[in-house]
């Protein structure tokens, strides 16, 4: 917020402006306004000219666009026929039974997981089977150990 001293300084500097400068500023402002009006008028005239040309050349432009559309449509039809023939001549992967496709997919996934170093479902199942076998052997050994203890130390 300006102080009173700053306000006084501003008023002093404004009062020191030559009386000749005020008309010059006013003249510059009027000139700028006239330039603005001139440019605005030119923009308006350019828009009218564009509209007039569009009316004159509109039918020619429309005919040219129709021709271009017809050419494009024929090119698309030819491309579609070529693509359809290519698809028809390509052997179908879906002719194989789904089991074979699933098996191939599973193999590829498993190979990818092995490369990364992650355990697959089959790896986990194998480890579970080994753990169960180990558990049965430990139980058998514990039972055998219990029987040997009973034989060595019979209860009275």
Protein backbone atom coordinates (compact mmCIF):
# COMPACT_ATOMS: atom_id res chain seq x y z
CA UNK A 1 0.00 0.00 0.00
CA UNK A 2 1.52 3.38 -1.01
CA UNK A 3 2.51 5.72 1.75
CA UNK A 4 1.50 9.36 1.90
CA UNK A 5 5.01 10.35 0.86
CA UNK A 6 4.76 8.13 -2.24
CA UNK A 7 1.36 9.64 -3.09
CA UNK A 8 2.83 13.15 -2.83
CA UNK A 9 5.78 12.13 -5.04
CA UNK A 10 3.40 10.75 -7.65
CA UNK A 11 1.29 13.91 -7.60
CA UNK A 12 4.43 16.06 -7.89
CA UNK A 13 5.71 14.07 -10.86
CA UNK A 14 2.31 14.30 -12.56
CA UNK A 15 2.15 18.05 -11.98
CA UNK A 16 5.67 18.38 -13.42
CA UNK A 17 4.54 16.87 -16.73
CA UNK A 18 4.75 19.43 -19.43
CA UNK A 19 1.49 20.79 -20.62
CA UNK A 20 2.72 19.73 -24.09
CA UNK A 21 3.01 16.07 -23.12
CA UNK A 22 -0.66 15.70 -22.19
CA UNK A 23 -1.93 16.51 -25.70
CA UNK A 24 0.69 14.16 -27.19
CA UNK A 25 -0.52 11.29 -25.02
CA UNK A 26 -4.08 12.04 -25.89
CA UNK A 27 -3.16 12.18 -29.56
CA UNK A 28 -1.33 8.80 -29.31
CA UNK A 29 -4.35 7.24 -27.63
CA UNK A 30 -6.65 8.52 -30.39
CA UNK A 31 -4.24 7.23 -33.03
CA UNK A 32 -4.16 3.79 -31.39
CA UNK A 33 -7.96 3.73 -31.32
CA UNK A 34 -8.10 4.65 -35.00
CA UNK A 35 -5.57 1.92 -35.80
CA UNK A 36 -7.63 -0.58 -33.82
CA UNK A 37 -10.78 0.39 -35.73
CA UNK A 38 -8.87 0.16 -39.00
CA UNK A 39 -7.62 -3.38 -38.19
CA UNK A 40 -11.06 -4.42 -37.00
CA UNK A 41 -12.55 -3.18 -40.28
CA UNK A 42 -9.89 -5.09 -42.25
CA UNK A 43 -10.63 -8.30 -40.33
CA UNK A 44 -14.34 -7.87 -41.06
CA UNK A 45 -13.66 -7.30 -44.76
CA UNK A 46 -11.37 -10.34 -44.91
CA UNK A 47 -14.15 -12.46 -43.40
CA UNK A 48 -16.64 -11.15 -45.98
CA UNK A 49 -14.16 -11.89 -48.77
CA UNK A 50 -13.65 -15.43 -47.52
CA UNK A 51 -17.40 -15.97 -47.34
CA UNK A 52 -17.85 -14.64 -50.89
CA UNK A 53 -15.11 -16.87 -52.26
CA UNK A 54 -16.56 -19.88 -50.44
CA UNK A 55 -19.91 -19.20 -52.12
CA UNK A 56 -18.28 -18.92 -55.56
CA UNK A 57 -15.93 -21.85 -55.24
CA UNK A 58 -18.13 -23.93 -52.95
CA UNK A 59 -19.63 -26.05 -55.70
CA UNK A 60 -16.21 -26.65 -57.28
CA UNK A 61 -14.77 -27.59 -53.92
CA UNK A 62 -17.69 -29.91 -53.23
CA UNK A 63 -17.22 -31.68 -56.57
CA UNK A 64 -13.49 -32.09 -55.92
CA UNK A 65 -14.19 -33.52 -52.48
CA UNK A 66 -16.67 -36.02 -53.96
CA UNK A 67 -14.06 -37.16 -56.50
CA UNK A 68 -11.44 -37.55 -53.77
CA UNK A 69 -13.92 -39.52 -51.67
CA UNK A 70 -14.70 -41.85 -54.56
CA UNK A 71 -10.99 -42.51 -55.14
CA UNK A 72 -10.42 -43.14 -51.46
CA UNK A 73 -13.40 -45.49 -51.29
CA UNK A 74 -12.11 -47.56 -54.22
CA UNK A 75 -8.63 -47.73 -52.66
CA UNK A 76 -10.14 -48.88 -49.37
CA UNK A 77 -12.22 -51.52 -51.14
CA UNK A 78 -9.12 -52.86 -52.91
CA UNK A 79 -7.14 -52.89 -49.65
CA UNK A 80 -9.99 -54.71 -47.91
CA UNK A 81 -10.10 -57.37 -50.66
CA UNK A 82 -6.34 -57.88 -50.42
CA UNK A 83 -6.50 -58.15 -46.63
CA UNK A 84 -9.39 -60.61 -46.83
CA UNK A 85 -7.50 -62.82 -49.28
CA UNK A 86 -4.43 -62.74 -47.04
CA UNK A 87 -6.51 -63.77 -44.03
CA UNK A 88 -8.19 -66.56 -45.98
CA UNK A 89 -4.83 -67.93 -47.14
CA UNK A 90 -3.23 -67.79 -43.70
CA UNK A 91 -3.40 -71.08 -41.77
CA UNK A 92 -5.54 -70.79 -38.69
CA UNK A 93 -4.03 -71.36 -35.28
CA UNK A 94 -7.51 -72.14 -33.98
CA UNK A 95 -7.60 -75.36 -36.04
CA UNK A 96 -5.54 -77.01 -33.30
CA UNK A 97 -7.37 -78.49 -30.31
CA UNK A 98 -7.64 -76.14 -27.32
CA UNK A 99 -5.72 -78.57 -25.10
CA UNK A 100 -2.68 -78.32 -27.36
CA UNK A 101 -2.88 -74.53 -27.39
CA UNK A 102 -3.19 -74.42 -23.59
CA UNK A 103 -0.27 -76.79 -23.17
CA UNK A 104 1.94 -74.68 -25.44
CA UNK A 105 0.91 -71.56 -23.58
CA UNK A 106 1.67 -73.16 -20.22
CA UNK A 107 5.08 -74.25 -21.43
CA UNK A 108 5.97 -70.76 -22.60
CA UNK A 109 4.82 -69.21 -19.33
CA UNK A 110 6.78 -71.76 -17.33
CA UNK A 111 9.93 -71.13 -19.38
CA UNK A 112 9.57 -67.40 -18.81
CA UNK A 113 9.12 -67.88 -15.07
CA UNK A 114 12.14 -70.18 -14.93
CA UNK A 115 14.25 -67.57 -16.72
CA UNK A 116 13.23 -64.99 -14.15
CA UNK A 117 13.87 -67.44 -11.33
CA UNK A 118 10.33 -67.66 -9.96
CA UNK A 119 8.81 -70.91 -8.75
CA UNK A 120 5.99 -72.24 -10.89
CA UNK A 121 2.90 -74.09 -9.75
CA UNK A 122 4.51 -77.41 -10.68
CA UNK A 123 7.63 -76.51 -8.68
CA UNK A 124 5.51 -75.77 -5.63
CA UNK A 125 3.57 -79.03 -6.03
CA UNK A 126 6.85 -80.97 -6.28
CA UNK A 127 8.18 -79.29 -3.13
CA UNK A 128 4.94 -80.07 -1.28
CA UNK A 129 5.28 -83.71 -2.30
CA UNK A 130 8.89 -83.81 -1.02
CA UNK A 131 7.83 -82.21 2.26
CA UNK A 132 5.09 -84.81 2.73
CA UNK A 133 7.55 -87.64 2.04
CA UNK A 134 10.02 -86.12 4.50
CA UNK A 135 7.25 -85.74 7.08
CA UNK A 136 6.30 -89.44 6.71
CA UNK A 137 9.95 -90.48 7.09
CA UNK A 138 10.39 -88.30 10.18
CA UNK A 139 7.21 -89.79 11.67
CA UNK A 140 8.46 -93.32 10.91
CA UNK A 141 11.85 -92.55 12.48
CA UNK A 142 10.21 -91.02 15.56
CA UNK A 143 8.01 -94.09 15.90
CA UNK A 144 11.01 -96.41 15.48
CA UNK A 145 12.94 -94.34 18.04
CA UNK A 146 10.03 -94.66 20.48
CA UNK A 147 9.97 -98.47 20.01
CA UNK A 148 13.72 -98.72 20.61
CA UNK A 149 13.42 -96.69 23.80
CA UNK A 150 10.68 -98.99 25.03
CA UNK A 151 12.81 -102.04 24.26
CA UNK A 152 15.84 -100.62 26.07
CA UNK A 153 13.90 -99.34 29.06
CA UNK A 154 10.92 -101.57 29.63
CA UNK A 155 8.38 -100.23 32.14
CA UNK A 156 8.06 -102.27 35.34
